[in-house]
């Protein structure tokens, strides 16, 4: 009787060990698979007035302080907009990213694209945009055709919008004459 119960215990132990090992390996492989993708991050912003600086100041200027945010972003057309995209973990130093700047017309239209790599010391991507016209913009961080992250912002005139400059801008943006003069 005693020998029979120890055989049952050994069989029970082997069966549960096999099930638990299978569960553990499945969970481990899922965690590895999840971690293999490109990590998300956070956007940070700051502005400068580059046209007020001389050429030497523009070249030696180092931006270090960014405000990390993604909502209610409004800039001036006279601003040079500096941004940083700080990854939550290392995406790989040899990984190529494309930074797409899109302006809203009837839909978002790509107006600029740059190829960037992560800075090794900060694990971030940094760049700037200047001389942007008033309007709504979208920045996309893209890796191998997949959007990693995106954020919208607006560029508004310093004096604000009046009905007159709003109509002028809307009319000036249109290339289709029927739409342009139907406003």
Protein backbone atom coordinates (compact mmCIF):
# COMPACT_ATOMS: atom_id res chain seq x y z
CA UNK A 1 0.00 0.00 0.00
CA UNK A 2 2.82 2.34 0.87
CA UNK A 3 4.62 1.65 -2.38
CA UNK A 4 1.46 2.37 -4.37
CA UNK A 5 0.97 5.79 -2.74
CA UNK A 6 4.60 6.80 -3.42
CA UNK A 7 4.15 5.81 -7.08
CA UNK A 8 1.02 7.94 -7.23
CA UNK A 9 2.90 10.82 -5.64
CA UNK A 10 5.77 10.48 -8.14
CA UNK A 11 3.31 10.42 -11.05
CA UNK A 12 1.43 13.43 -9.64
CA UNK A 13 4.72 15.31 -9.12
CA UNK A 14 5.96 14.60 -12.67
CA UNK A 15 2.64 15.62 -14.24
CA UNK A 16 2.46 18.91 -12.33
CA UNK A 17 6.14 19.64 -12.92
CA UNK A 18 5.61 19.22 -16.67
CA UNK A 19 2.52 21.48 -16.63
CA UNK A 20 4.24 24.18 -14.56
CA UNK A 21 7.38 24.07 -16.70
CA UNK A 22 5.28 24.43 -19.85
CA UNK A 23 3.40 27.40 -18.34
CA UNK A 24 6.65 29.01 -17.22
CA UNK A 25 8.31 28.65 -20.63
CA UNK A 26 5.20 29.98 -22.41
CA UNK A 27 5.09 33.02 -20.12
CA UNK A 28 8.81 33.60 -20.52
CA UNK A 29 8.60 33.42 -24.32
CA UNK A 30 5.67 35.88 -24.32
CA UNK A 31 7.65 38.32 -22.19
CA UNK A 32 10.64 38.06 -24.51
CA UNK A 33 8.38 38.54 -27.54
CA UNK A 34 6.71 41.61 -26.01
CA UNK A 35 10.09 43.16 -25.13
CA UNK A 36 11.48 42.68 -28.67
CA UNK A 37 9.31 45.42 -30.22
CA UNK A 38 10.30 49.05 -30.51
CA UNK A 39 9.60 50.77 -27.17
CA UNK A 40 7.37 53.80 -26.81
CA UNK A 41 8.60 57.02 -25.30
CA UNK A 42 7.74 60.59 -24.42
CA UNK A 43 7.94 63.84 -26.37
CA UNK A 44 9.68 66.89 -24.91
CA UNK A 45 9.58 70.44 -26.29
CA UNK A 46 11.34 73.77 -26.08
CA UNK A 47 11.54 76.80 -28.37
CA UNK A 48 14.13 79.38 -29.32
CA UNK A 49 14.19 82.45 -31.52
CA UNK A 50 16.96 81.37 -33.91
CA UNK A 51 16.63 84.40 -36.20
CA UNK A 52 17.62 86.63 -33.26
CA UNK A 53 20.93 84.75 -32.82
CA UNK A 54 24.05 85.18 -34.89
CA UNK A 55 25.48 82.20 -36.79
CA UNK A 56 28.04 81.31 -34.13
CA UNK A 57 25.39 81.26 -31.38
CA UNK A 58 23.16 79.05 -33.51
CA UNK A 59 25.93 76.46 -34.01
CA UNK A 60 27.15 76.28 -30.41
CA UNK A 61 23.73 76.35 -28.79
CA UNK A 62 22.92 73.18 -26.86
CA UNK A 63 19.36 72.53 -25.79
CA UNK A 64 19.15 70.52 -22.59
CA UNK A 65 15.85 71.46 -20.94
CA UNK A 66 12.67 70.12 -22.49
CA UNK A 67 9.14 70.15 -21.14
CA UNK A 68 7.78 66.62 -21.50
CA UNK A 69 4.21 66.84 -22.79
CA UNK A 70 1.93 65.90 -25.67
CA UNK A 71 -1.36 67.77 -25.16
CA UNK A 72 -2.31 71.38 -25.98
CA UNK A 73 0.92 72.16 -27.84
CA UNK A 74 0.86 75.63 -29.40
CA UNK A 75 3.83 77.40 -30.98
CA UNK A 76 4.47 80.66 -32.83
CA UNK A 77 5.54 80.89 -36.49
CA UNK A 78 8.64 82.76 -35.30
CA UNK A 79 9.67 79.91 -32.97
CA UNK A 80 12.29 77.33 -33.76
CA UNK A 81 10.64 74.25 -32.26
CA UNK A 82 13.08 71.80 -30.67
CA UNK A 83 11.80 68.38 -29.71
CA UNK A 84 13.18 65.27 -28.10
CA UNK A 85 11.70 61.78 -28.19
CA UNK A 86 12.96 59.93 -25.11
CA UNK A 87 12.56 56.14 -25.40
CA UNK A 88 11.51 54.16 -22.33
CA UNK A 89 14.25 51.61 -23.04
CA UNK A 90 17.00 51.10 -25.60
CA UNK A 91 15.50 50.48 -29.06
CA UNK A 92 18.90 49.61 -30.53
CA UNK A 93 21.58 52.08 -31.54
CA UNK A 94 21.65 50.86 -35.15
CA UNK A 95 17.87 51.13 -35.54
CA UNK A 96 16.73 53.62 -38.18
CA UNK A 97 13.70 55.80 -37.48
CA UNK A 98 11.93 58.16 -39.85
CA UNK A 99 10.53 61.38 -38.45
CA UNK A 100 7.60 62.55 -40.52
CA UNK A 101 6.24 66.10 -40.23
CA UNK A 102 2.70 66.42 -41.60
CA UNK A 103 0.59 69.56 -42.04
CA UNK A 104 -3.19 69.48 -42.06
CA UNK A 105 -4.68 70.53 -45.39
CA UNK A 106 -7.83 68.50 -46.18
CA UNK A 107 -6.06 65.67 -44.35
CA UNK A 108 -2.54 65.43 -42.95
CA UNK A 109 -0.02 65.76 -45.78
CA UNK A 110 3.64 64.89 -45.30
CA UNK A 111 5.81 67.97 -45.76
CA UNK A 112 9.13 66.75 -44.33
CA UNK A 113 10.77 63.43 -43.50
CA UNK A 114 14.12 62.79 -41.84
CA UNK A 115 16.02 59.61 -41.08
CA UNK A 116 17.39 59.51 -37.52
CA UNK A 117 19.12 57.16 -35.12
CA UNK A 118 18.99 57.14 -31.34
CA UNK A 119 21.72 59.10 -29.57
CA UNK A 120 23.84 56.54 -27.68
CA UNK A 121 24.32 58.59 -24.52
CA UNK A 122 20.70 59.68 -24.02
CA UNK A 123 18.65 57.00 -25.89
CA UNK A 124 16.71 59.84 -27.50
CA UNK A 125 16.04 61.39 -30.90
CA UNK A 126 16.39 65.18 -31.14
CA UNK A 127 15.61 67.59 -33.94
CA UNK A 128 14.06 70.96 -34.69
CA UNK A 129 11.67 72.66 -37.05
CA UNK A 130 11.64 76.34 -37.96
CA UNK A 131 9.73 78.73 -40.16
CA UNK A 132 6.51 76.71 -39.96
CA UNK A 133 3.38 78.36 -41.31
CA UNK A 134 0.32 78.66 -39.14
CA UNK A 135 -1.77 75.51 -39.02
CA UNK A 136 -2.08 72.10 -37.43
CA UNK A 137 0.82 69.65 -37.58
CA UNK A 138 1.46 66.00 -36.80
CA UNK A 139 4.85 64.45 -36.03
CA UNK A 140 5.18 60.69 -36.48
CA UNK A 141 8.03 58.48 -35.29
CA UNK A 142 8.09 55.56 -37.75
CA UNK A 143 10.11 52.33 -37.72
CA UNK A 144 9.96 49.93 -40.68
CA UNK A 145 6.64 51.37 -41.85
CA UNK A 146 4.95 51.13 -38.43
CA UNK A 147 4.13 54.25 -36.44
CA UNK A 148 5.85 54.03 -33.05
CA UNK A 149 4.32 57.26 -31.73
CA UNK A 150 2.79 60.51 -32.92
CA UNK A 151 1.77 63.88 -31.54
CA UNK A 152 -0.20 66.86 -32.85
CA UNK A 153 0.60 70.53 -32.34
CA UNK A 154 -0.56 73.87 -33.68
CA UNK A 155 1.30 76.91 -34.92
CA UNK A 156 -0.71 80.07 -34.30
CA UNK A 157 0.18 83.67 -35.20
CA UNK A 158 1.53 85.82 -32.35
CA UNK A 159 -1.33 88.30 -32.72
CA UNK A 160 -3.95 85.53 -32.71
CA UNK A 161 -6.53 84.84 -35.37
CA UNK A 162 -8.81 87.47 -36.79
CA UNK A 163 -11.47 86.73 -39.36
CA UNK A 164 -9.43 88.55 -42.01
CA UNK A 165 -6.12 86.68 -41.56
CA UNK A 166 -7.97 83.37 -41.18
CA UNK A 167 -9.72 83.86 -44.56
CA UNK A 168 -6.45 84.95 -46.20
CA UNK A 169 -4.64 81.88 -44.93
CA UNK A 170 -7.40 79.49 -45.95
CA UNK A 171 -7.59 81.03 -49.41
CA UNK A 172 -3.80 81.08 -49.81
CA UNK A 173 -3.46 77.39 -48.97
CA UNK A 174 -5.79 76.24 -51.73
CA UNK A 175 -4.48 75.37 -55.16
CA UNK A 176 -7.89 74.36 -56.50
CA UNK A 177 -9.39 77.65 -57.70
CA UNK A 178 -13.00 76.52 -57.20
CA UNK A 179 -12.32 75.82 -53.51
CA UNK A 180 -10.08 78.87 -53.17
CA UNK A 181 -12.70 81.38 -54.33
CA UNK A 182 -15.76 79.65 -52.92
CA UNK A 183 -14.97 80.71 -49.36
